[in-house]
Every structure is written in structure tokens, then in C-alpha cells.
C-alpha atoms as a PDB file:
ATOM      1  CA  MET A   1      60.064 -50.565   7.011  1.00  0.00           C
ATOM      2  CA  THR A   2      56.991 -48.689   6.303  1.00  0.00           C
ATOM      3  CA  SER A   3      53.343 -49.651   6.146  1.00  0.00           C
ATOM      4  CA  HIS A   4      51.583 -47.368   3.177  1.00  0.00           C
ATOM      5  CA  ALA A   5      52.160 -48.435  -0.262  1.00  0.00           C
ATOM      6  CA  PRO A   6      55.187 -46.462  -2.314  1.00  0.00           C
ATOM      7  CA  ASN A   7      54.731 -43.633  -4.269  1.00  0.00           C
ATOM      8  CA  GLN A   8      51.762 -42.757  -1.520  1.00  0.00           C
ATOM      9  CA  ALA A   9      51.386 -39.916   0.907  1.00  0.00           C
ATOM     10  CA  ARG A  10      51.256 -40.837   3.903  1.00  0.00           C
ATOM     11  CA  VAL A  11      48.685 -38.545   5.662  1.00  0.00           C
ATOM     12  CA  ILE A  12      48.527 -37.371   9.084  1.00  0.00           C
ATOM     13  CA  PRO A  13      45.879 -35.917  10.313  1.00  0.00           C
ATOM     14  CA  LEU A  14      45.883 -32.763  12.081  1.00  0.00           C
ATOM     15  CA  ARG A  15      42.952 -33.954  14.337  1.00  0.00           C
ATOM     16  CA  PRO A  16      41.408 -37.197  15.524  1.00  0.00           C
ATOM     17  CA  VAL A  17      38.773 -38.514  13.719  1.00  0.00           C
ATOM     18  CA  ALA A  18      36.133 -38.735  15.959  1.00  0.00           C
ATOM     19  CA  THR A  19      33.172 -41.793  15.441  1.00  0.00           C
ATOM     20  CA  PRO A  20      29.948 -40.229  16.493  1.00  0.00           C
ATOM     21  CA  VAL A  21      28.290 -42.858  18.331  1.00  0.00           C
ATOM     22  CA  ALA A  22      24.907 -41.935  16.983  1.00  0.00           C
ATOM     23  CA  ALA A  23      24.699 -38.962  15.297  1.00  0.00           C
ATOM     24  CA  ALA A  24      21.598 -36.707  16.603  1.00  0.00           C
ATOM     25  CA  PRO A  25      19.518 -36.909  12.959  1.00  0.00           C
ATOM     26  CA  THR A  26      19.594 -33.149  11.129  1.00  0.00           C
ATOM     27  CA  VAL A  27      16.469 -31.981  10.150  1.00  0.00           C
ATOM     28  CA  ARG A  28      16.174 -30.239   7.494  1.00  0.00           C
ATOM     29  CA  GLU A  29      14.373 -26.418   7.890  1.00  0.00           C
ATOM     30  CA  PRO A  30      11.517 -26.145   5.811  1.00  0.00           C
ATOM     31  CA  LEU A  31      11.281 -24.056   2.868  1.00  0.00           C
ATOM     32  CA  TRP A  32       8.420 -20.990   2.557  1.00  0.00           C
ATOM     33  CA  ARG A  33       6.682 -22.498  -0.303  1.00  0.00           C
ATOM     34  CA  ASP A  34       6.047 -25.720   0.889  1.00  0.00           C
ATOM     35  CA  ILE A  35       4.769 -23.987   4.245  1.00  0.00           C
ATOM     36  CA  VAL A  36       1.793 -21.787   2.127  1.00  0.00           C
ATOM     37  CA  GLY A  37       1.260 -24.181  -0.197  1.00  0.00           C
ATOM     38  CA  ASP A  38      -0.173 -26.998   2.647  1.00  0.00           C
ATOM     39  CA  VAL A  39      -1.876 -23.848   4.189  1.00  0.00           C
ATOM     40  CA  LEU A  40      -3.865 -23.338   0.828  1.00  0.00           C
ATOM     41  CA  ARG A  41      -4.585 -26.743   0.418  1.00  0.00           C
ATOM     42  CA  ARG A  42      -5.436 -27.706   3.762  1.00  0.00           C
ATOM     43  CA  GLU A  43      -7.788 -24.410   4.022  1.00  0.00           C
ATOM     44  CA  ARG A  44      -9.425 -25.194   0.755  1.00  0.00           C
ATOM     45  CA  LEU A  45      -9.937 -29.280   1.568  1.00  0.00           C
ATOM     46  CA  ALA A  46     -11.778 -27.695   4.740  1.00  0.00           C
ATOM     47  CA  GLN A  47     -13.772 -25.857   2.771  1.00  0.00           C
ATOM     48  CA  GLU A  48     -14.148 -29.181   0.466  1.00  0.00           C
ATOM     49  CA  ARG A  49     -13.912 -26.679  -2.299  1.00  0.00           C
ATOM     50  CA  THR A  50     -12.061 -27.856  -5.969  1.00  0.00           C
ATOM     51  CA  LEU A  51      -9.067 -25.804  -7.426  1.00  0.00           C
ATOM     52  CA  LYS A  52     -10.839 -25.141  -9.822  1.00  0.00           C
ATOM     53  CA  ASP A  53     -13.124 -23.180  -8.214  1.00  0.00           C
ATOM     54  CA  VAL A  54     -10.537 -21.688  -6.506  1.00  0.00           C
ATOM     55  CA  ALA A  55      -8.212 -21.096  -9.219  1.00  0.00           C
ATOM     56  CA  ASP A  56     -11.276 -19.365 -10.835  1.00  0.00           C
ATOM     57  CA  GLU A  57     -12.366 -17.162  -8.542  1.00  0.00           C
ATOM     58  CA  ALA A  58      -8.766 -16.238  -7.816  1.00  0.00           C
ATOM     59  CA  ARG A  59      -8.183 -15.435 -11.181  1.00  0.00           C
ATOM     60  CA  ILE A  60      -5.165 -18.183 -11.312  1.00  0.00           C
ATOM     61  CA  SER A  61      -4.819 -21.053 -13.675  1.00  0.00           C
ATOM     62  CA  VAL A  62      -5.593 -24.856 -11.756  1.00  0.00           C
ATOM     63  CA  PRO A  63      -1.964 -25.484 -12.656  1.00  0.00           C
ATOM     64  CA  TYR A  64      -0.265 -22.982 -10.848  1.00  0.00           C
ATOM     65  CA  LEU A  65      -2.344 -22.596  -7.540  1.00  0.00           C
ATOM     66  CA  SER A  66      -1.522 -26.806  -7.426  1.00  0.00           C
ATOM     67  CA  GLU A  67       1.686 -26.489  -8.103  1.00  0.00           C
ATOM     68  CA  VAL A  68       1.676 -23.518  -5.278  1.00  0.00           C
ATOM     69  CA  GLU A  69      -0.540 -25.868  -2.937  1.00  0.00           C
ATOM     70  CA  ARG A  70       2.252 -28.324  -3.569  1.00  0.00           C
ATOM     71  CA  GLY A  71       5.379 -26.052  -2.773  1.00  0.00           C
ATOM     72  CA  ARG A  72       6.856 -26.223  -6.425  1.00  0.00           C
ATOM     73  CA  LYS A  73       6.780 -22.773  -7.579  1.00  0.00           C
ATOM     74  CA  GLU A  74       7.454 -19.845  -5.206  1.00  0.00           C
ATOM     75  CA  ALA A  75       3.556 -17.948  -5.306  1.00  0.00           C
ATOM     76  CA  SER A  76       4.485 -14.034  -6.098  1.00  0.00           C
ATOM     77  CA  SER A  77       2.302 -11.657  -2.888  1.00  0.00           C
ATOM     78  CA  GLU A  78      -0.531 -10.741  -5.610  1.00  0.00           C
ATOM     79  CA  VAL A  79      -1.474 -14.546  -6.001  1.00  0.00           C
ATOM     80  CA  LEU A  80      -0.881 -15.985  -2.522  1.00  0.00           C
ATOM     81  CA  ALA A  81      -3.293 -12.418  -1.461  1.00  0.00           C
ATOM     82  CA  ALA A  82      -5.485 -13.916  -4.226  1.00  0.00           C
ATOM     83  CA  ALA A  83      -5.883 -17.005  -3.529  1.00  0.00           C
ATOM     84  CA  ALA A  84      -5.948 -16.282  -0.318  1.00  0.00           C
ATOM     85  CA  HIS A  85      -9.057 -14.315  -0.521  1.00  0.00           C
ATOM     86  CA  ALA A  86     -10.785 -16.551  -2.519  1.00  0.00           C
ATOM     87  CA  LEU A  87     -10.777 -19.006  -0.083  1.00  0.00           C
ATOM     88  CA  GLY A  88     -12.112 -16.074   2.595  1.00  0.00           C
ATOM     89  CA  LEU A  89      -9.298 -15.503   4.293  1.00  0.00           C
ATOM     90  CA  GLY A  90      -6.928 -12.276   4.447  1.00  0.00           C
ATOM     91  CA  LEU A  91      -3.512 -12.230   3.901  1.00  0.00           C
ATOM     92  CA  MET A  92      -2.443 -11.290   7.249  1.00  0.00           C
ATOM     93  CA  ASP A  93      -4.778 -15.118   7.775  1.00  0.00           C
ATOM     94  CA  LEU A  94      -2.234 -16.612   5.610  1.00  0.00           C
ATOM     95  CA  LEU A  95       0.627 -15.382   7.225  1.00  0.00           C
ATOM     96  CA  SER A  96      -0.025 -16.481  10.940  1.00  0.00           C
ATOM     97  CA  LEU A  97      -1.373 -19.595   9.588  1.00  0.00           C
ATOM     98  CA  ALA A  98       1.743 -20.584   8.002  1.00  0.00           C
ATOM     99  CA  GLN A  99       3.080 -19.127  11.322  1.00  0.00           C
ATOM    100  CA  ASP A 100       1.717 -21.408  13.082  1.00  0.00           C
ATOM    101  CA  GLU A 101       2.535 -24.308  11.286  1.00  0.00           C
ATOM    102  CA  LEU A 102       6.295 -23.529  11.234  1.00  0.00           C
ATOM    103  CA  VAL A 103       6.018 -23.444  15.488  1.00  0.00           C
ATOM    104  CA  ARG A 104       4.550 -26.961  14.782  1.00  0.00           C
ATOM    105  CA  ILE A 105       7.463 -28.308  12.831  1.00  0.00           C
ATOM    106  CA  HIS A 106       9.833 -26.323  15.055  1.00  0.00           C
ATOM    107  CA  ALA A 107       8.658 -28.148  18.161  1.00  0.00           C
ATOM    108  CA  VAL A 108       8.529 -31.551  16.487  1.00  0.00           C
ATOM    109  CA  GLY A 109      11.946 -31.133  15.181  1.00  0.00           C
ATOM    110  CA  GLN A 110      12.769 -30.108  18.806  1.00  0.00           C
ATOM    111  CA  SER A 111      11.410 -33.535  20.049  1.00  0.00           C
ATOM    112  CA  ARG A 112      13.092 -35.389  17.060  1.00  0.00           C
ATOM    113  CA  ARG A 113      16.324 -34.116  18.753  1.00  0.00           C
ATOM    114  CA  ARG A 114      15.781 -34.752  22.063  1.00  0.00           C
ATOM    115  CA  ASP A 115      14.486 -38.695  21.434  1.00  0.00           C
ATOM    116  CA  ALA A 116      17.405 -39.190  19.483  1.00  0.00           C
ATOM    117  CA  ARG A 117      20.378 -37.797  22.177  1.00  0.00           C
ATOM    118  CA  THR A 118      17.663 -40.351  24.688  1.00  0.00           C
ATOM    119  CA  SER A 119      18.206 -43.053  22.204  1.00  0.00           C
ATOM    120  CA  SER A 120      21.748 -42.599  21.858  1.00  0.00           C
ATOM    121  CA  VAL A 121      22.325 -43.289  24.929  1.00  0.00           C
ATOM    122  CA  THR A 122      20.059 -45.911  25.670  1.00  0.00           C
ATOM    123  CA  SER A 123      22.043 -47.643  22.676  1.00  0.00           C
ATOM    124  CA  VAL A 124      24.882 -47.006  24.479  1.00  0.00           C
ATOM    125  CA  THR A 125      23.814 -47.912  27.572  1.00  0.00           C
ATOM    126  CA  SER A 126      22.935 -51.289  26.018  1.00  0.00           C
ATOM    127  CA  VAL A 127      25.598 -52.181  23.727  1.00  0.00           C
ATOM    128  CA  THR A 128      27.672 -51.543  27.615  1.00  0.00           C
ATOM    129  CA  SER A 129      25.374 -54.134  29.807  1.00  0.00           C
ATOM    130  CA  VAL A 130      25.456 -56.799  26.732  1.00  0.00           C
ATOM    131  CA  THR A 131      28.930 -56.285  26.262  1.00  0.00           C
ATOM    132  CA  SER A 132      29.193 -57.232  30.366  1.00  0.00           C
ATOM    133  CA  ASP A 133      27.643 -59.932  29.763  1.00  0.00           C
ATOM    134  CA  ILE A 134      29.613 -61.432  27.067  1.00  0.00           C
ATOM    135  CA  SER A 135      32.384 -61.048  29.041  1.00  0.00           C
ATOM    136  CA  ALA A 136      30.997 -62.760  31.721  1.00  0.00           C
ATOM    137  CA  ALA A 137      29.470 -65.274  29.159  1.00  0.00           C
ATOM    138  CA  ALA A 138      32.323 -66.135  28.360  1.00  0.00           C
ATOM    139  CA  ARG A 139      34.899 -65.986  31.278  1.00  0.00           C
ATOM    140  CA  ARG A 140      32.568 -68.440  32.931  1.00  0.00           C
ATOM    141  CA  ASP A 141      32.882 -70.489  29.757  1.00  0.00           C
ATOM    142  CA  LEU A 142      36.461 -70.482  29.581  1.00  0.00           C
ATOM    143  CA  ASN A 143      36.938 -71.054  33.490  1.00  0.00           C
ATOM    144  CA  SER A 144      34.518 -74.422  32.843  1.00  0.00           C
ATOM    145  CA  GLY A 145      36.668 -75.160  29.740  1.00  0.00           C
ATOM    146  CA  ARG A 146      34.034 -75.140  26.896  1.00  0.00           C
ATOM    147  CA  THR A 147      35.509 -74.162  23.232  1.00  0.00           C
ATOM    148  CA  THR A 148      34.935 -71.174  21.406  1.00  0.00           C
ATOM    149  CA  ARG A 149      32.383 -72.749  19.027  1.00  0.00           C
ATOM    150  CA  GLU A 150      30.141 -73.869  22.495  1.00  0.00           C
ATOM    151  CA  PHE A 151      30.464 -70.877  23.215  1.00  0.00           C
ATOM    152  CA  GLU A 152      29.760 -68.992  20.139  1.00  0.00           C
ATOM    153  CA  ALA A 153      26.833 -71.990  19.711  1.00  0.00           C
ATOM    154  CA  ARG A 154      25.642 -70.291  23.141  1.00  0.00           C
ATOM    155  CA  LEU A 155      25.153 -66.902  22.516  1.00  0.00           C
ATOM    156  CA  ALA A 156      23.514 -67.896  18.833  1.00  0.00           C
ATOM    157  CA  ALA A 157      20.815 -69.906  20.575  1.00  0.00           C
END
């Protein structure tokens, strides 16, 4: 007798299904518009200038500059150059600051991946340690004649 329901195909996987111990969190690649927008906003705030002031000088609308800063709009090179110049930066300065930000984000991502690998090894070690402690306690309880309920109550405490 088979264990599967009638009229259903039994699926045999070609490869064994691997269950990851602890998958490393995936770090999403940052979008260019987010990086450049963050740089523009940081520079504007560092100069204590308003959106209106910079937008007027760059000859772009305030809502559009706001959307560029928030990474909602993919600005053209002309708009980026105008915003950079309004902040007293050249286009090369803007790109250099954006590159520095990308390097920083990449370093943080590498650090998180390293920490995730370390914590998964620590988690496996901890689980193994706890399991062996429970097994030893269970053996002692069984040898002493205690019931399972007594063991579970002691474990819960």
C-alpha cells in the first residue's frame, strides 16, 4: 500500500532538499538614484539650506528636487549637475561623494554577512550544547526513576 493519495503523482526530487542552518541575510544592492539623492540631501542639510533655495538656484521645481533627494526620481545628468552646482559642488564632487557612500554601504554589507556567518556557527554550537545538556538531564532523570512530566516541569523551570 502506498502513502500518497490516489490520482496524485508522487514527486521524487532530483536533488535532496537542503535545509539551511541559518541563511545569511541578503543585502539588496543600492540603487544609484537612492545614493545620489542621499548625497544631495546630506550636502543641502550640511549647508543649512532649504529645498526651495537650492531648487530655485538649480532652476528645478521644489517637488522634483524633493523626489530626487528621496530617490523617487531618476534625475538626468543635467538636473544632477544643476543641483550639484547650486550646492557649490561640481559633478565630479557629487560622483565622488556617491562613490564614497557606495564603498561605505558595501563595507557594512560585508560586515553583516560576516556577522551572520559567525552567528549561525554560534547558533549551531548553542543548539548542540543545549541538546547535549537536555540529553544528559534526561538520562539522569530516567536513571533516577522520575517521570516525563517531572522532567518537563524541571526543564520549564
